[in-house]
Amino acid sequence: MADLILALDLLDPMHAREVAESCAASLDAIKLGYPLILSAGLGIVRDLADIGLPLIADFKVADIPNTNRLIADQVFSAGFDAIICHGFTGRDAVEACVDAAHAYGGECFVVAEMSHPGALSFFSRGVAEQIATLAVECRADGIIAPATRPERIRALRGVVRSRKIYSPGIGTQGGDLKKVLPLVEGVIVGRTIYGAADPAHEAAVMAAIVNDERSS
């Protein structure tokens, strides 16, 4: 049973809140990345918290352990419920994010493979599998795997087994919601929802498909 997660990559905080509020009834979580946070500041987390949905910090943290820990502390102190980090930085850097997340009662997800075409330049030839293995060994709560390549989700499922897989790339990037839903615990949708003429309607349509999968 997969969750529907909105990637709220807008720049205007007022518009972002309007979209989040209008879509909230159809969503299970909201993911905030650098575009909105750099525009609005971490205060936007407090502004969105009263909507009542878990908030995921998609900063793809990728630095030395001490810096990762400092970033994660700021993320969770601001009110986030989960953080996304990169895994190519190695065990100690990933563990810094995982340990910080768990200390706050939150979750940490590790990017195993990205959804854009250029990701294949480096997240290939077994690299994604190595990162997924590292995520498991570091006690991460799950990984990020591409909805644009369902076969890669299946391959990485064999590595992470029961841990969560959140999958971006649905819609605008070409990922097929119905094909990906049975493979993951969460689908991440951005432009297809917030760029629609009626975001609330688009989110409701997707939520109906998600609920059909849940009940099947």
Protein backbone atom coordinates (compact mmCIF):
# COMPACT_ATOMS: atom_id res chain seq x y z
CA MET A 1 0.00 0.00 0.00
CA ALA A 2 1.68 3.17 -1.21
CA ASP A 3 1.40 6.73 0.05
CA LEU A 4 0.87 9.71 -2.23
CA ILE A 5 3.54 12.33 -1.54
CA LEU A 6 3.47 15.81 -3.05
CA ALA A 7 6.83 17.30 -4.04
CA LEU A 8 6.07 20.96 -3.37
CA ASP A 9 8.81 22.54 -5.50
CA LEU A 10 7.27 25.99 -5.81
CA LEU A 11 9.03 29.29 -5.12
CA ASP A 12 6.18 31.45 -3.83
CA PRO A 13 5.38 30.44 -0.22
CA MET A 14 1.81 31.72 -0.42
CA HIS A 15 1.14 29.74 -3.58
CA ALA A 16 2.84 26.71 -2.04
CA ARG A 17 0.54 26.85 0.97
CA GLU A 18 -2.52 27.29 -1.24
CA VAL A 19 -1.60 24.20 -3.25
CA ALA A 20 -0.78 22.19 -0.12
CA GLU A 21 -4.06 23.12 1.55
CA SER A 22 -6.16 22.43 -1.52
CA CYS A 23 -4.57 19.01 -2.05
CA ALA A 24 -4.19 17.96 1.59
CA ALA A 25 -7.22 15.68 1.72
CA SER A 26 -5.73 13.55 -1.07
CA LEU A 27 -2.16 13.40 0.26
CA ASP A 28 -0.25 11.30 2.78
CA ALA A 29 2.84 13.54 3.04
CA ILE A 30 4.52 16.61 1.54
CA LYS A 31 8.13 16.76 0.40
CA LEU A 32 9.94 20.10 0.52
CA GLY A 33 13.17 20.69 -1.37
CA TYR A 34 15.67 23.45 -1.87
CA PRO A 35 13.54 25.55 -4.29
CA LEU A 36 10.90 26.38 -1.68
CA ILE A 37 13.17 26.41 1.37
CA LEU A 38 15.73 28.73 -0.24
CA SER A 39 12.92 31.04 -1.30
CA ALA A 40 10.84 31.02 1.87
CA GLY A 41 13.25 29.90 4.60
CA LEU A 42 12.82 27.12 7.15
CA GLY A 43 9.90 29.04 8.63
CA ILE A 44 7.72 27.61 5.87
CA VAL A 45 7.83 24.33 7.79
CA ARG A 46 5.91 25.91 10.69
CA ASP A 47 3.50 27.46 8.21
CA LEU A 48 2.74 24.09 6.65
CA ALA A 49 2.77 22.01 9.83
CA ASP A 50 -0.80 22.91 10.75
CA ILE A 51 -2.03 21.24 7.57
CA GLY A 52 -1.40 18.05 9.51
CA LEU A 53 0.68 16.04 7.05
CA PRO A 54 4.19 14.62 7.58
CA LEU A 55 6.87 16.83 6.03
CA ILE A 56 9.91 15.35 4.29
CA ALA A 57 13.10 17.40 3.85
CA ASP A 58 14.48 16.57 0.41
CA PHE A 59 17.90 18.15 0.76
CA LYS A 60 19.74 15.09 -0.60
CA VAL A 61 22.32 15.74 2.10
CA ALA A 62 25.80 14.81 0.87
CA ASP A 63 28.67 16.05 3.02
CA ILE A 64 31.06 14.91 5.73
CA PRO A 65 29.48 13.34 8.83
CA ASN A 66 29.70 16.41 11.07
CA THR A 67 28.12 18.68 8.44
CA ASN A 68 25.42 16.08 7.73
CA ARG A 69 24.64 15.92 11.43
CA LEU A 70 24.39 19.70 11.70
CA ILE A 71 22.04 19.84 8.70
CA ALA A 72 19.88 17.03 10.05
CA ASP A 73 19.63 18.71 13.45
CA GLN A 74 18.39 21.89 11.80
CA VAL A 75 15.92 19.94 9.69
CA PHE A 76 14.30 18.14 12.60
CA SER A 77 14.44 21.12 14.94
CA ALA A 78 12.49 23.04 12.30
CA GLY A 79 9.70 20.47 12.45
CA PHE A 80 10.39 18.03 9.61
CA ASP A 81 9.43 14.38 10.04
CA ALA A 82 11.94 12.84 7.63
CA ILE A 83 15.11 13.65 5.71
CA ILE A 84 16.57 12.42 2.42
CA CYS A 85 20.32 12.02 2.04
CA HIS A 86 22.72 10.69 -0.58
CA GLY A 87 24.54 7.43 -0.03
CA PHE A 88 27.61 7.87 -2.22
CA THR A 89 29.29 9.83 0.59
CA GLY A 90 29.82 6.59 2.50
CA ARG A 91 28.83 4.81 5.68
CA ASP A 92 29.86 7.41 8.26
CA ALA A 93 28.09 10.23 6.43
CA VAL A 94 24.88 8.23 6.03
CA GLU A 95 24.97 7.07 9.64
CA ALA A 96 25.20 10.70 10.77
CA CYS A 97 21.87 11.43 9.06
CA VAL A 98 20.23 8.21 10.22
CA ASP A 99 21.34 8.67 13.82
CA ALA A 100 20.13 12.27 13.90
CA ALA A 101 16.78 11.34 12.37
CA HIS A 102 16.20 8.53 14.84
CA ALA A 103 17.25 10.71 17.77
CA TYR A 104 14.37 13.04 16.87
CA GLY A 105 11.95 10.19 16.25
CA GLY A 106 12.08 10.83 12.50
CA GLU A 107 13.01 8.86 9.41
CA CYS A 108 15.92 8.91 6.98
CA PHE A 109 15.77 7.85 3.33
CA VAL A 110 18.84 7.27 1.18
CA VAL A 111 18.91 8.03 -2.54
CA ALA A 112 19.83 4.76 -4.23
CA GLU A 113 19.08 5.87 -7.79
CA MET A 114 17.66 9.08 -9.25
CA SER A 115 14.88 9.39 -11.80
CA HIS A 116 16.36 11.61 -14.54
CA PRO A 117 18.15 10.16 -17.63
CA GLY A 118 21.56 11.49 -16.59
CA ALA A 119 21.46 9.40 -13.41
CA LEU A 120 22.46 6.38 -15.47
CA SER A 121 25.92 7.90 -15.94
CA PHE A 122 26.89 6.91 -12.40
CA PHE A 123 23.97 5.12 -10.68
CA SER A 124 24.57 2.02 -12.78
CA ARG A 125 26.67 -1.13 -13.02
CA GLY A 126 25.73 -2.18 -9.51
CA VAL A 127 26.34 1.20 -7.85
CA ALA A 128 22.69 1.66 -6.87
CA GLU A 129 22.63 -1.82 -5.38
CA GLN A 130 25.73 -1.00 -3.31
CA ILE A 131 24.10 2.19 -2.03
CA ALA A 132 20.88 0.33 -1.19
CA THR A 133 22.91 -2.26 0.71
CA LEU A 134 24.66 0.50 2.61
CA ALA A 135 21.29 2.06 3.48
CA VAL A 136 20.16 -1.21 5.02
CA GLU A 137 23.41 -1.64 6.94
CA CYS A 138 23.13 1.92 8.28
CA ARG A 139 19.56 1.28 9.52
CA ALA A 140 17.99 3.80 7.17
CA ASP A 141 14.21 3.63 7.00
CA GLY A 142 14.18 3.27 3.25
CA ILE A 143 15.56 4.33 -0.10
CA ILE A 144 14.64 6.51 -3.06
CA ALA A 145 14.32 4.65 -6.37
CA PRO A 146 13.12 5.87 -9.81
CA ALA A 147 9.51 5.56 -10.96
CA THR A 148 10.87 6.16 -14.47
CA ARG A 149 12.58 2.75 -14.35
CA PRO A 150 10.31 0.20 -12.63
CA GLU A 151 12.74 -2.61 -13.38
CA ARG A 152 15.30 -0.85 -11.20
CA ILE A 153 12.78 -0.65 -8.35
CA ARG A 154 12.32 -4.42 -8.61
CA ALA A 155 16.07 -4.96 -8.54
CA LEU A 156 16.53 -2.72 -5.50
CA ARG A 157 13.59 -4.33 -3.70
CA GLY A 158 15.67 -7.48 -3.61
CA VAL A 159 18.28 -5.55 -1.64
CA VAL A 160 16.16 -3.54 0.82
CA ARG A 161 13.40 -6.15 1.18
CA SER A 162 10.84 -4.86 3.71
CA ARG A 163 12.29 -1.37 4.06
CA LYS A 164 10.36 1.45 2.41
CA ILE A 165 10.91 2.55 -1.16
CA TYR A 166 9.75 6.05 -2.13
CA SER A 167 9.67 6.63 -5.85
CA PRO A 168 9.84 10.01 -7.68
CA GLY A 169 9.33 10.66 -11.36
CA ILE A 170 5.58 9.99 -11.75
CA GLY A 171 3.82 11.89 -14.52
CA THR A 172 5.89 14.73 -15.98
CA GLN A 173 9.11 12.70 -15.95
CA GLY A 174 7.36 9.72 -17.52
CA GLY A 175 6.75 7.36 -14.60
CA ASP A 176 3.48 5.40 -14.77
CA LEU A 177 1.55 5.61 -11.50
CA LYS A 178 -0.36 2.37 -11.97
CA LYS A 179 2.76 0.38 -12.86
CA VAL A 180 4.79 1.70 -9.94
CA LEU A 181 2.21 1.57 -7.13
CA PRO A 182 2.47 -2.20 -6.49
CA LEU A 183 6.25 -1.92 -6.18
CA VAL A 184 6.70 0.81 -3.56
CA GLU A 185 5.56 2.28 -0.25
CA GLY A 186 5.33 5.82 -1.58
CA VAL A 187 5.02 7.65 -4.90
CA ILE A 188 6.36 11.19 -5.14
CA VAL A 189 4.55 13.51 -7.55
CA GLY A 190 5.47 17.14 -8.17
CA ARG A 191 4.81 19.07 -11.36
CA THR A 192 1.95 16.84 -12.47
CA ILE A 193 0.00 18.02 -9.42
CA TYR A 194 1.21 21.52 -8.59
CA GLY A 195 1.53 22.49 -12.26
CA ALA A 196 -2.00 21.39 -13.11
CA ALA A 197 -4.76 23.90 -13.82
CA ASP A 198 -6.58 22.41 -10.82
CA PRO A 199 -4.01 20.83 -8.45
CA ALA A 200 -6.68 19.63 -6.02
CA HIS A 201 -8.51 17.75 -8.78
CA GLU A 202 -5.28 16.21 -10.09
CA ALA A 203 -4.30 15.10 -6.59
CA ALA A 204 -7.76 13.60 -6.05
CA VAL A 205 -7.53 11.65 -9.31
CA MET A 206 -4.17 10.23 -8.29
CA ALA A 207 -5.38 9.49 -4.77
CA ALA A 208 -8.29 7.50 -6.22
CA ILE A 209 -5.83 5.36 -8.17
CA VAL A 210 -3.70 4.89 -5.04
CA ASN A 211 -6.76 3.90 -3.00
CA ASP A 212 -7.84 1.41 -5.67
CA GLU A 213 -4.43 -0.23 -5.38
CA ARG A 214 -4.70 -0.27 -1.58
CA SER A 215 -8.06 -2.02 -1.70
CA SER A 216 -7.11 -4.57 -4.36
